[in-house]
Amino acid sequence: QVQLVESGGGLVQAGGSLRLSCAASGSIFSIKHMGWHRQAPGKQRELVARITSGGRTNYADSVKGRFTISRDSAQNTVYLDLQMNSLRPEDTAVYYCNADLTGWPPNSWGQGTQVTVSS
């Protein structure tokens, strides 16, 4: 299994920046693609950014040009970061780290970290 732990959320004013980090441990050899998702109150969870095992990235239209996803590995841990710039109140949500895995279970989720952007 793969365990994901997010950090870096918080309260920021509109126009500000935050950097989210996710540390993946356990059976990291089974990790394929990774991504950040978010869920705002009363809304469905949505994909924010994704990075494949080969380093290809894709972003939701609403965050293109403002957010950057990156992935790195060190020893027995895989790190997934999300640099968020020019934050807007509509970016307020709980942000979740996700990993697509080979085998079973097919994916793993972190516990989420709250991002609040004040106007």
C-alpha atoms as a PDB file:
ATOM      1  CA  GLN A   1       0.000   0.000   0.000  1.00  0.00           C
ATOM      2  CA  VAL A   2       0.945   3.641  -0.430  1.00  0.00           C
ATOM      3  CA  GLN A   3       0.442   6.275   2.242  1.00  0.00           C
ATOM      4  CA  LEU A   4       0.053   9.910   1.233  1.00  0.00           C
ATOM      5  CA  VAL A   5       0.477  12.814   3.642  1.00  0.00           C
ATOM      6  CA  GLU A   6      -0.235  16.378   2.551  1.00  0.00           C
ATOM      7  CA  SER A   7       1.065  19.584   4.086  1.00  0.00           C
ATOM      8  CA  GLY A   8       1.260  23.265   3.289  1.00  0.00           C
ATOM      9  CA  GLY A   9      -2.337  24.413   3.313  1.00  0.00           C
ATOM     10  CA  GLY A  10      -3.475  27.542   5.076  1.00  0.00           C
ATOM     11  CA  LEU A  11      -5.066  30.961   4.806  1.00  0.00           C
ATOM     12  CA  VAL A  12      -3.817  33.450   2.227  1.00  0.00           C
ATOM     13  CA  GLN A  13      -5.060  36.663   0.697  1.00  0.00           C
ATOM     14  CA  ALA A  14      -6.159  36.821  -2.920  1.00  0.00           C
ATOM     15  CA  GLY A  15      -3.144  37.222  -5.167  1.00  0.00           C
ATOM     16  CA  GLY A  16      -0.901  35.365  -2.764  1.00  0.00           C
ATOM     17  CA  SER A  17       0.906  32.048  -3.078  1.00  0.00           C
ATOM     18  CA  LEU A  18       0.992  28.709  -1.304  1.00  0.00           C
ATOM     19  CA  ARG A  19       2.966  25.547  -1.874  1.00  0.00           C
ATOM     20  CA  LEU A  20       1.388  22.194  -1.108  1.00  0.00           C
ATOM     21  CA  SER A  21       3.492  19.113  -0.571  1.00  0.00           C
ATOM     22  CA  CYS A  22       2.604  15.447  -0.522  1.00  0.00           C
ATOM     23  CA  ALA A  23       4.902  12.712   0.716  1.00  0.00           C
ATOM     24  CA  ALA A  24       4.223   9.190  -0.547  1.00  0.00           C
ATOM     25  CA  SER A  25       5.646   6.228   1.334  1.00  0.00           C
ATOM     26  CA  GLY A  26       5.180   2.486   1.409  1.00  0.00           C
ATOM     27  CA  SER A  27       5.012   0.565  -1.872  1.00  0.00           C
ATOM     28  CA  ILE A  28       6.152   3.525  -3.938  1.00  0.00           C
ATOM     29  CA  PHE A  29       7.286   1.220  -6.753  1.00  0.00           C
ATOM     30  CA  SER A  30       3.583   0.760  -7.538  1.00  0.00           C
ATOM     31  CA  ILE A  31       2.957   4.473  -8.146  1.00  0.00           C
ATOM     32  CA  LYS A  32       2.098   5.403 -11.716  1.00  0.00           C
ATOM     33  CA  HIS A  33       0.584   8.828 -12.050  1.00  0.00           C
ATOM     34  CA  MET A  34      -0.008  11.384  -9.315  1.00  0.00           C
ATOM     35  CA  GLY A  35      -2.239  14.369  -8.990  1.00  0.00           C
ATOM     36  CA  TRP A  36      -3.861  17.037  -6.896  1.00  0.00           C
ATOM     37  CA  HIS A  37      -7.621  17.254  -6.600  1.00  0.00           C
ATOM     38  CA  ARG A  38      -9.784  19.695  -4.688  1.00  0.00           C
ATOM     39  CA  GLN A  39     -13.256  19.815  -3.255  1.00  0.00           C
ATOM     40  CA  ALA A  40     -15.031  23.012  -2.331  1.00  0.00           C
ATOM     41  CA  PRO A  41     -18.087  23.011  -0.046  1.00  0.00           C
ATOM     42  CA  GLY A  42     -21.156  21.795  -1.893  1.00  0.00           C
ATOM     43  CA  LYS A  43     -19.182  20.873  -4.999  1.00  0.00           C
ATOM     44  CA  GLN A  44     -17.800  17.685  -6.478  1.00  0.00           C
ATOM     45  CA  ARG A  45     -14.142  16.812  -6.185  1.00  0.00           C
ATOM     46  CA  GLU A  46     -12.269  17.959  -9.262  1.00  0.00           C
ATOM     47  CA  LEU A  47      -8.867  17.342 -10.759  1.00  0.00           C
ATOM     48  CA  VAL A  48      -6.538  20.316 -10.404  1.00  0.00           C
ATOM     49  CA  ALA A  49      -3.277  19.004 -11.854  1.00  0.00           C
ATOM     50  CA  ARG A  50      -1.777  15.680 -12.789  1.00  0.00           C
ATOM     51  CA  ILE A  51       1.688  14.404 -13.595  1.00  0.00           C
ATOM     52  CA  THR A  52       2.408  11.075 -15.248  1.00  0.00           C
ATOM     53  CA  SER A  53       5.217   8.707 -14.398  1.00  0.00           C
ATOM     54  CA  GLY A  54       7.004  10.117 -17.443  1.00  0.00           C
ATOM     55  CA  GLY A  55       6.678  13.687 -16.234  1.00  0.00           C
ATOM     56  CA  ARG A  56       3.886  14.834 -18.517  1.00  0.00           C
ATOM     57  CA  THR A  57       1.587  17.342 -16.840  1.00  0.00           C
ATOM     58  CA  ASN A  58      -1.933  18.559 -17.360  1.00  0.00           C
ATOM     59  CA  TYR A  59      -3.970  21.169 -15.542  1.00  0.00           C
ATOM     60  CA  ALA A  60      -7.559  22.215 -15.091  1.00  0.00           C
ATOM     61  CA  ASP A  61      -8.314  25.227 -17.258  1.00  0.00           C
ATOM     62  CA  SER A  62      -9.081  27.282 -14.155  1.00  0.00           C
ATOM     63  CA  VAL A  63      -5.518  26.953 -12.830  1.00  0.00           C
ATOM     64  CA  LYS A  64      -3.426  26.955 -15.998  1.00  0.00           C
ATOM     65  CA  GLY A  65      -0.653  29.516 -15.815  1.00  0.00           C
ATOM     66  CA  ARG A  66      -1.065  29.886 -12.045  1.00  0.00           C
ATOM     67  CA  PHE A  67      -0.355  26.427 -10.614  1.00  0.00           C
ATOM     68  CA  THR A  68       2.644  24.176 -11.206  1.00  0.00           C
ATOM     69  CA  ILE A  69       2.826  20.509 -10.288  1.00  0.00           C
ATOM     70  CA  SER A  70       6.139  18.750  -9.757  1.00  0.00           C
ATOM     71  CA  ARG A  71       7.331  15.334  -8.643  1.00  0.00           C
ATOM     72  CA  ASP A  72      10.577  14.119  -7.129  1.00  0.00           C
ATOM     73  CA  SER A  73      11.924  11.039  -5.397  1.00  0.00           C
ATOM     74  CA  ALA A  74      14.372  10.542  -2.574  1.00  0.00           C
ATOM     75  CA  GLN A  75      15.256   7.206  -0.998  1.00  0.00           C
ATOM     76  CA  ASN A  76      11.935   5.562  -0.113  1.00  0.00           C
ATOM     77  CA  THR A  77       9.694   8.572  -0.581  1.00  0.00           C
ATOM     78  CA  VAL A  78       8.047  10.228  -3.557  1.00  0.00           C
ATOM     79  CA  TYR A  79       7.265  13.923  -3.218  1.00  0.00           C
ATOM     80  CA  LEU A  80       4.511  15.699  -5.088  1.00  0.00           C
ATOM     81  CA  ASP A  81       4.343  19.479  -4.881  1.00  0.00           C
ATOM     82  CA  LEU A  82       1.812  22.015  -6.084  1.00  0.00           C
ATOM     83  CA  GLN A  83       2.983  25.605  -6.352  1.00  0.00           C
ATOM     84  CA  MET A  84      -0.051  27.865  -6.361  1.00  0.00           C
ATOM     85  CA  ASN A  85       0.353  31.499  -7.402  1.00  0.00           C
ATOM     86  CA  SER A  86      -2.110  34.324  -7.985  1.00  0.00           C
ATOM     87  CA  LEU A  87      -4.615  32.591  -5.746  1.00  0.00           C
ATOM     88  CA  ARG A  88      -8.279  33.514  -6.003  1.00  0.00           C
ATOM     89  CA  PRO A  89     -11.150  33.107  -3.555  1.00  0.00           C
ATOM     90  CA  GLU A  90     -12.591  30.431  -5.853  1.00  0.00           C
ATOM     91  CA  ASP A  91      -9.476  28.325  -5.209  1.00  0.00           C
ATOM     92  CA  THR A  92     -10.702  27.806  -1.650  1.00  0.00           C
ATOM     93  CA  ALA A  93     -11.139  24.087  -1.098  1.00  0.00           C
ATOM     94  CA  VAL A  94      -9.740  21.011   0.564  1.00  0.00           C
ATOM     95  CA  TYR A  95      -6.867  19.795  -1.597  1.00  0.00           C
ATOM     96  CA  TYR A  96      -6.142  16.078  -1.865  1.00  0.00           C
ATOM     97  CA  CYS A  97      -3.074  14.273  -3.112  1.00  0.00           C
ATOM     98  CA  ASN A  98      -3.762  11.177  -5.203  1.00  0.00           C
ATOM     99  CA  ALA A  99      -1.668   8.379  -6.635  1.00  0.00           C
ATOM    100  CA  ASP A 100      -2.712   5.883  -9.306  1.00  0.00           C
ATOM    101  CA  LEU A 101      -1.209   2.505  -8.537  1.00  0.00           C
ATOM    102  CA  THR A 102      -0.470  -0.732 -10.318  1.00  0.00           C
ATOM    103  CA  GLY A 103      -2.256  -3.711  -8.832  1.00  0.00           C
ATOM    104  CA  TRP A 104      -4.791  -3.393  -6.034  1.00  0.00           C
ATOM    105  CA  PRO A 105      -5.963  -1.064  -4.622  1.00  0.00           C
ATOM    106  CA  PRO A 106      -5.906   0.988  -7.826  1.00  0.00           C
ATOM    107  CA  ASN A 107      -5.276   4.305  -6.097  1.00  0.00           C
ATOM    108  CA  SER A 108      -4.474   6.018  -2.823  1.00  0.00           C
ATOM    109  CA  TRP A 109      -5.632   9.332  -1.361  1.00  0.00           C
ATOM    110  CA  GLY A 110      -4.251  11.650   1.251  1.00  0.00           C
ATOM    111  CA  GLN A 111      -6.312  13.051   4.097  1.00  0.00           C
ATOM    112  CA  GLY A 112      -6.571  16.498   2.526  1.00  0.00           C
ATOM    113  CA  THR A 113      -5.315  19.950   3.431  1.00  0.00           C
ATOM    114  CA  GLN A 114      -7.450  23.078   3.631  1.00  0.00           C
ATOM    115  CA  VAL A 115      -6.649  26.065   1.434  1.00  0.00           C
ATOM    116  CA  THR A 116      -8.580  29.256   2.119  1.00  0.00           C
ATOM    117  CA  VAL A 117      -8.169  32.355  -0.025  1.00  0.00           C
ATOM    118  CA  SER A 118      -9.666  35.553   1.351  1.00  0.00           C
ATOM    119  CA  SER A 119     -10.786  38.411  -0.858  1.00  0.00           C
END
